[in-house]
Protein backbone atom coordinates (compact mmCIF):
# COMPACT_ATOMS: atom_id res chain seq x y z
CA MET A 1 0.45 -0.14 -0.36
CA SER A 2 0.99 2.95 -1.39
CA THR A 3 2.72 5.37 2.53
CA LEU A 4 3.47 8.83 -0.19
CA THR A 5 1.68 10.45 2.82
CA GLY A 6 3.88 9.26 5.81
CA SER A 7 0.43 7.90 6.66
CA PRO A 8 -0.29 4.21 6.51
CA ASP A 9 -4.55 4.76 6.86
CA LEU A 10 -4.33 7.82 4.22
CA THR A 11 -3.46 6.58 0.54
CA ARG A 12 -3.77 6.82 -3.20
CA GLU A 13 -5.79 3.38 -2.01
CA GLN A 14 -7.98 4.20 1.27
CA ILE A 15 -8.30 7.55 -0.90
CA ALA A 16 -9.59 5.35 -3.93
CA LEU A 17 -12.41 3.05 -1.98
CA THR A 18 -13.04 6.39 -0.21
CA HIS A 19 -14.94 7.20 -3.27
CA GLU A 20 -15.56 4.22 -4.69
CA ARG A 21 -17.82 3.75 -1.22
CA ILE A 22 -19.87 7.38 -1.00
CA ARG A 23 -19.88 7.69 -4.85
CA PRO A 24 -23.81 6.52 -4.36
CA TYR A 25 -24.09 9.23 -1.78
CA VAL A 26 -22.62 12.50 -3.06
CA ARG A 27 -21.92 14.13 -6.03
CA CYS A 28 -19.33 14.55 -9.04
CA THR A 29 -20.16 18.08 -9.48
CA PRO A 30 -19.16 19.46 -12.49
CA VAL A 31 -15.60 22.06 -13.69
CA ILE A 32 -16.36 25.00 -16.76
CA GLU A 33 -14.22 26.18 -18.32
CA VAL A 34 -13.59 30.35 -18.54
CA ASP A 35 -12.01 33.12 -20.35
CA ALA A 36 -9.68 35.31 -17.29
CA ALA A 37 -11.59 38.03 -18.87
CA ASP A 38 -14.00 37.33 -17.96
CA PHE A 39 -13.30 38.48 -15.13
CA GLY A 40 -10.03 41.12 -15.61
CA LEU A 41 -7.08 38.72 -16.23
CA ASP A 42 -4.69 38.42 -18.28
CA ALA A 43 -3.78 34.78 -18.05
CA SER A 44 -4.60 31.02 -19.50
CA PRO A 45 -8.33 30.39 -19.43
CA ILE A 46 -8.70 29.31 -15.53
CA THR A 47 -10.55 25.75 -14.80
CA LEU A 48 -13.84 26.52 -12.03
CA LYS A 49 -14.26 22.34 -10.50
CA LEU A 50 -17.74 23.77 -9.15
CA GLU A 51 -18.45 22.34 -5.72
CA LEU A 52 -20.16 24.66 -4.30
CA LEU A 53 -22.82 22.09 -6.47
CA GLN A 54 -22.45 19.28 -3.59
CA HIS A 55 -25.07 18.11 -1.51
CA ALA A 56 -25.13 20.28 1.39
CA GLY A 57 -23.12 23.42 -0.47
CA SER A 58 -20.44 22.00 -0.35
CA PHE A 59 -17.22 19.60 -0.22
CA LYS A 60 -17.76 18.83 3.93
CA ALA A 61 -20.46 15.95 2.61
CA ARG A 62 -17.87 13.86 1.57
CA GLY A 63 -16.44 13.47 4.65
CA ALA A 64 -19.94 13.43 6.23
CA PHE A 65 -21.16 9.78 3.91
CA ALA A 66 -17.08 8.74 4.34
CA ASN A 67 -17.69 8.33 8.15
CA LEU A 68 -20.71 7.31 8.55
CA LEU A 69 -20.41 4.97 5.89
CA SER A 70 -16.90 3.21 7.24
CA ARG A 71 -17.28 3.87 10.58
CA PRO A 72 -19.57 1.85 13.52
CA VAL A 73 -22.75 4.34 15.38
CA PRO A 74 -23.68 3.83 18.58
CA LYS A 75 -27.80 4.45 19.81
CA ALA A 76 -26.48 7.50 20.33
CA GLY A 77 -25.75 8.90 17.23
CA VAL A 78 -22.80 11.08 15.65
CA VAL A 79 -21.89 14.74 17.30
CA ALA A 80 -20.26 16.94 14.64
CA ALA A 81 -18.06 20.76 15.71
CA SER A 82 -18.27 23.25 12.37
CA GLY A 83 -19.08 26.53 11.68
CA GLY A 84 -21.51 25.85 9.75
CA ASN A 85 -20.50 24.25 6.39
CA HIS A 86 -18.95 20.49 8.02
CA GLY A 87 -21.99 20.10 10.06
CA LEU A 88 -24.88 21.42 7.58
CA ALA A 89 -22.84 18.29 5.65
CA VAL A 90 -23.08 15.91 8.24
CA ALA A 91 -26.95 16.44 8.50
CA TYR A 92 -26.98 15.80 5.57
CA ALA A 93 -26.06 12.78 5.96
CA ALA A 94 -27.48 11.19 8.90
CA HIS A 95 -31.37 12.67 7.82
CA ARG A 96 -30.47 10.49 4.76
CA LEU A 97 -29.09 8.25 6.29
CA GLY A 98 -31.56 8.06 9.16
CA ILE A 99 -29.04 8.74 11.76
CA PRO A 100 -29.92 11.07 15.00
CA ALA A 101 -27.71 14.49 14.73
CA THR A 102 -26.58 17.01 16.77
CA ILE A 103 -24.85 19.62 15.35
CA PHE A 104 -22.55 22.45 17.62
CA VAL A 105 -22.21 25.89 15.61
CA PRO A 106 -21.02 29.61 17.32
CA SER A 107 -22.21 32.72 17.07
CA VAL A 108 -20.76 33.36 14.10
CA ALA A 109 -22.22 29.89 11.98
CA ALA A 110 -24.18 31.84 8.91
CA ALA A 111 -28.43 31.96 9.13
CA THR A 112 -28.20 30.62 5.93
CA LYS A 113 -26.76 27.36 7.55
CA GLN A 114 -28.60 27.32 10.53
CA GLU A 115 -32.06 26.66 9.50
CA ARG A 116 -30.25 24.51 7.38
CA ILE A 117 -29.04 21.51 9.63
CA ARG A 118 -32.41 22.99 11.80
CA SER A 119 -34.73 21.36 8.94
CA LEU A 120 -32.29 18.89 8.05
CA GLN A 121 -34.05 17.25 11.61
CA ALA A 122 -30.34 17.49 13.20
CA ASN A 123 -30.01 18.80 16.88
CA LEU A 124 -28.91 21.91 16.86
CA VAL A 125 -27.03 23.35 19.81
CA VAL A 126 -25.62 27.05 19.17
CA GLY A 127 -23.01 28.85 21.45
CA GLY A 128 -19.77 30.35 21.51
CA GLU A 129 -18.18 32.77 19.67
CA ARG A 130 -15.70 29.98 17.07
CA TYR A 131 -15.08 27.09 16.04
CA ALA A 132 -12.69 26.01 18.94
CA ASP A 133 -16.23 26.50 21.01
CA ALA A 134 -18.15 24.84 19.58
CA LEU A 135 -16.20 21.73 19.96
CA GLU A 136 -15.21 22.21 23.70
CA ALA A 137 -18.97 22.16 24.43
CA SER A 138 -19.16 18.91 21.37
CA ARG A 139 -16.86 17.48 23.64
CA ARG A 140 -18.85 17.27 26.59
CA PHE A 141 -21.84 16.10 24.93
CA ILE A 142 -20.04 13.20 23.64
CA GLU A 143 -18.86 12.28 27.39
CA GLU A 144 -22.37 12.66 28.91
CA THR A 145 -23.73 10.45 26.18
CA GLY A 146 -21.54 8.23 24.03
CA ALA A 147 -22.47 10.24 21.09
CA MET A 148 -20.10 9.02 18.07
CA GLU A 149 -17.73 12.69 17.17
CA ILE A 150 -17.19 13.33 13.36
CA HIS A 151 -14.18 15.26 13.53
CA ALA A 152 -14.12 18.65 10.18
CA PHE A 153 -10.33 17.95 9.16
CA ASP A 154 -8.62 16.83 11.56
CA GLN A 155 -9.59 12.56 11.68
CA VAL A 156 -8.43 9.79 8.64
CA GLU A 157 -12.55 9.71 7.54
CA THR A 158 -12.74 13.13 7.11
CA LEU A 159 -9.73 14.18 5.00
CA LEU A 160 -10.02 10.87 2.84
CA GLY A 161 -13.52 11.57 1.79
CA GLN A 162 -12.54 15.25 0.99
CA GLY A 163 -9.57 13.45 -1.23
CA SER A 164 -12.38 12.42 -3.64
CA LEU A 165 -12.11 15.58 -5.28
CA GLY A 166 -9.04 15.51 -6.16
CA VAL A 167 -9.94 11.92 -7.29
CA GLU A 168 -12.84 13.45 -9.64
CA LEU A 169 -10.45 16.31 -10.86
CA GLU A 170 -7.76 14.54 -11.86
CA ARG A 171 -10.33 12.85 -14.30
CA GLN A 172 -12.31 16.10 -15.48
CA CYS A 173 -9.09 17.56 -15.36
CA PRO A 174 -6.21 15.53 -16.42
CA GLN A 175 -4.10 19.06 -17.82
CA LEU A 176 -3.57 21.57 -14.95
CA ASP A 177 -0.14 22.73 -13.69
CA THR A 178 -1.55 24.18 -10.13
CA LEU A 179 -4.78 24.46 -8.28
CA LEU A 180 -5.38 26.77 -5.81
CA VAL A 181 -7.81 25.72 -1.99
CA ALA A 182 -8.30 27.42 0.28
CA VAL A 183 -7.26 26.38 3.56
CA GLY A 184 -9.25 26.17 7.48
CA GLY A 185 -8.97 23.80 9.09
CA GLY A 186 -6.98 21.70 6.01
CA GLY A 187 -8.73 18.73 5.43
CA LEU A 188 -10.14 20.40 1.75
CA ILE A 189 -6.47 20.23 0.50
CA GLY A 190 -5.15 17.61 2.69
CA GLY A 191 -7.52 15.29 1.42
CA ILE A 192 -6.23 16.37 -2.24
CA ALA A 193 -2.68 16.44 -1.87
CA ALA A 194 -2.46 12.98 0.12
CA TRP A 195 -4.61 11.96 -3.85
CA LEU A 196 -1.96 14.12 -6.15
CA GLY A 197 1.12 13.69 -4.06
CA GLY A 198 2.72 16.25 -5.67
CA LYS A 199 1.34 16.03 -9.52
CA VAL A 200 -0.23 19.40 -9.74
CA ARG A 201 1.40 23.40 -7.27
CA LEU A 202 -0.71 22.54 -4.73
CA ILE A 203 -0.92 27.10 -3.67
CA GLY A 204 -3.69 27.18 -0.43
CA VAL A 205 -5.51 30.63 0.11
CA GLU A 206 -6.63 32.20 3.83
CA PRO A 207 -8.15 34.59 4.93
CA HIS A 208 -5.20 37.43 6.36
CA ALA A 209 -7.87 37.10 9.25
CA ALA A 210 -6.77 33.23 10.23
CA PRO A 211 -4.13 32.18 8.76
CA THR A 212 -4.51 28.09 10.23
CA LEU A 213 -1.56 26.88 7.85
CA TYR A 214 0.93 30.00 7.00
CA ARG A 215 1.61 30.46 10.80
CA ALA A 216 1.43 26.49 11.01
CA PHE A 217 4.37 27.13 8.11
CA GLU A 218 6.55 29.21 9.21
CA ALA A 219 6.21 28.16 12.92
CA GLY A 220 7.39 24.05 11.75
CA GLU A 221 3.82 22.92 13.36
CA PRO A 222 0.36 23.55 13.58
CA VAL A 223 0.03 26.27 16.21
CA ASP A 224 -2.99 28.34 17.29
CA ALA A 225 -3.39 31.40 14.81
CA GLU A 226 -5.83 34.48 13.83
CA ALA A 227 -8.70 33.21 14.00
CA GLY A 228 -11.55 36.25 12.48
CA GLY A 229 -12.65 37.83 8.93
CA ILE A 230 -14.94 38.07 6.98
CA ALA A 231 -15.13 33.91 5.55
CA ALA A 232 -14.57 33.24 9.94
CA ASP A 233 -18.10 30.56 9.85
CA SER A 234 -15.47 28.38 7.55
CA LEU A 235 -11.97 29.07 7.43
CA ALA A 236 -11.29 30.58 11.13
CA PRO A 237 -10.50 27.42 12.96
CA ARG A 238 -7.11 28.12 15.65
CA ARG A 239 -5.09 25.44 14.13
CA VAL A 240 -4.93 23.36 11.56
CA GLY A 241 -5.03 20.31 11.83
CA GLN A 242 -2.42 17.62 13.09
CA LEU A 243 -3.38 14.78 10.00
CA MET A 244 -3.31 16.50 7.39
CA PHE A 245 0.01 18.95 8.22
CA PRO A 246 3.08 16.50 6.97
CA VAL A 247 1.46 16.06 4.00
CA ALA A 248 0.55 19.88 3.10
CA ARG A 249 4.33 20.47 4.41
CA LYS A 250 5.22 18.02 2.26
CA PHE A 251 2.38 18.85 -1.24
CA VAL A 252 0.99 21.80 -0.64
CA GLU A 253 4.07 24.45 -2.49
CA ARG A 254 2.25 27.50 -0.23
CA VAL A 255 0.60 29.82 0.92
CA VAL A 256 -1.08 32.94 0.08
CA LEU A 257 -3.13 35.27 1.60
CA VAL A 258 -5.51 37.81 0.84
CA GLU A 259 -8.01 40.58 2.40
CA ASP A 260 -11.19 40.52 2.67
CA ASP A 261 -12.26 42.37 0.44
CA ALA A 262 -10.92 40.33 -2.65
CA ILE A 263 -12.94 37.93 -1.25
CA ARG A 264 -16.38 40.01 -1.21
CA GLN A 265 -14.46 41.27 -4.29
CA SER A 266 -13.97 37.78 -5.50
CA GLN A 267 -17.67 37.05 -4.16
CA SER A 268 -19.10 39.55 -6.47
CA GLN A 269 -16.93 38.87 -9.89
CA LEU A 270 -17.35 35.00 -9.75
CA TRP A 271 -21.34 36.54 -9.36
CA ARG A 272 -21.38 39.17 -11.62
CA ALA A 273 -19.89 36.53 -14.51
CA LEU A 274 -21.15 32.89 -13.99
CA ARG A 275 -23.97 33.69 -11.46
CA VAL A 276 -22.19 31.28 -9.03
CA ALA A 277 -23.07 32.28 -5.96
CA ALA A 278 -19.80 31.12 -3.28
CA GLU A 279 -20.73 32.43 -0.17
CA PRO A 280 -16.80 34.11 1.68
CA GLY A 281 -15.14 31.18 2.49
CA GLY A 282 -15.50 29.15 -1.53
CA ALA A 283 -15.16 32.31 -2.97
CA ALA A 284 -10.68 32.94 -1.66
CA ALA A 285 -9.39 30.56 -3.53
CA MET A 286 -10.11 31.96 -6.94
CA ALA A 287 -9.76 35.87 -4.44
CA ALA A 288 -6.12 35.12 -4.67
CA LEU A 289 -5.98 34.94 -8.97
CA LEU A 290 -8.27 38.34 -8.83
CA SER A 291 -6.01 39.94 -6.66
CA GLY A 292 -2.70 39.00 -7.62
CA ALA A 293 -2.30 37.31 -4.31
CA TYR A 294 -1.57 34.93 -6.36
CA LYS A 295 -0.09 35.41 -9.62
CA PRO A 296 0.91 32.39 -12.47
CA ALA A 297 2.79 32.71 -14.56
CA THR A 298 2.78 32.59 -19.08
CA GLY A 299 0.47 29.77 -20.41
CA GLU A 300 0.38 27.73 -16.64
CA ARG A 301 -3.25 25.88 -16.73
CA VAL A 302 -4.41 27.01 -13.41
CA GLY A 303 -7.97 25.07 -12.12
CA VAL A 304 -10.28 26.89 -9.00
CA ILE A 305 -11.86 24.76 -6.73
CA VAL A 306 -15.21 27.16 -5.21
CA CYS A 307 -15.60 24.89 -2.33
CA GLY A 308 -18.27 26.57 -0.61
CA GLY A 309 -21.96 28.59 -1.21
CA ASN A 310 -23.82 28.62 1.80
CA THR A 311 -24.88 31.73 1.44
CA ASP A 312 -28.09 34.83 0.89
CA ALA A 313 -26.97 35.41 -3.27
CA VAL A 314 -29.68 38.13 -2.91
CA LYS A 315 -26.65 40.01 -1.34
CA LEU A 316 -24.55 39.84 -4.04
């Protein structure tokens, strides 16, 4: 079994098996090639992976189904702590499979996400200001009830599920040179990196107000970072996951930072040019191109993951 990642569990073989396991339950989301000039850029065409069209509005459904379909679930059901998208994905997957779910979210979680979690008949608990607060509360609930935790990013099954996006994208766009991926806890970029294994240049994109992987690269290990900004409900845990970090050190070339205003502008331009309604975290990777935080070379074939769409399109 391949051990490119340094983990005996996080391998291409395991990601491929997970992809097959969850494929009946998740969407193979489309890709679209767009003219860079549509966004005011002088560059080669850009390939967008529209993962915001996934069930529950983000890539998180992949990790949620990977957990529920590969682990024994106790009668008490499952528990997730989330800025919103992970909780929504777990609520969706649990509802689809008939499993009780309790979701803890911080007060910064978007009202749109909270409403959708409740609509999926999950028990929603709102408290604390940031993801770390929701996580702490969820751990107390687990001790009291024996429910199974589904971690948003620092869990092998979650990483394997997110890696399935890499499987799809490699088949859809084998010609890519570079892929821009938004980073919060690092589950998405970690899973993709484990699958691609250096075949494509990976660039992490984070808000200046929540530079989790950026700070980890500086320190040589996951450390607490700032946790604020416009994308705080999806890209602002206190630190990246321990499991993804060795993979990121090996296969992520670097992290670029974008300002909140650049993320807002990215949302607006995606809406105006394509009628794609991305949430702030979902638009962060594209913001790196639009703001010049990442400047591709002449002829470089760049892909961007638009990873979440749980927002109100009217605001755009």
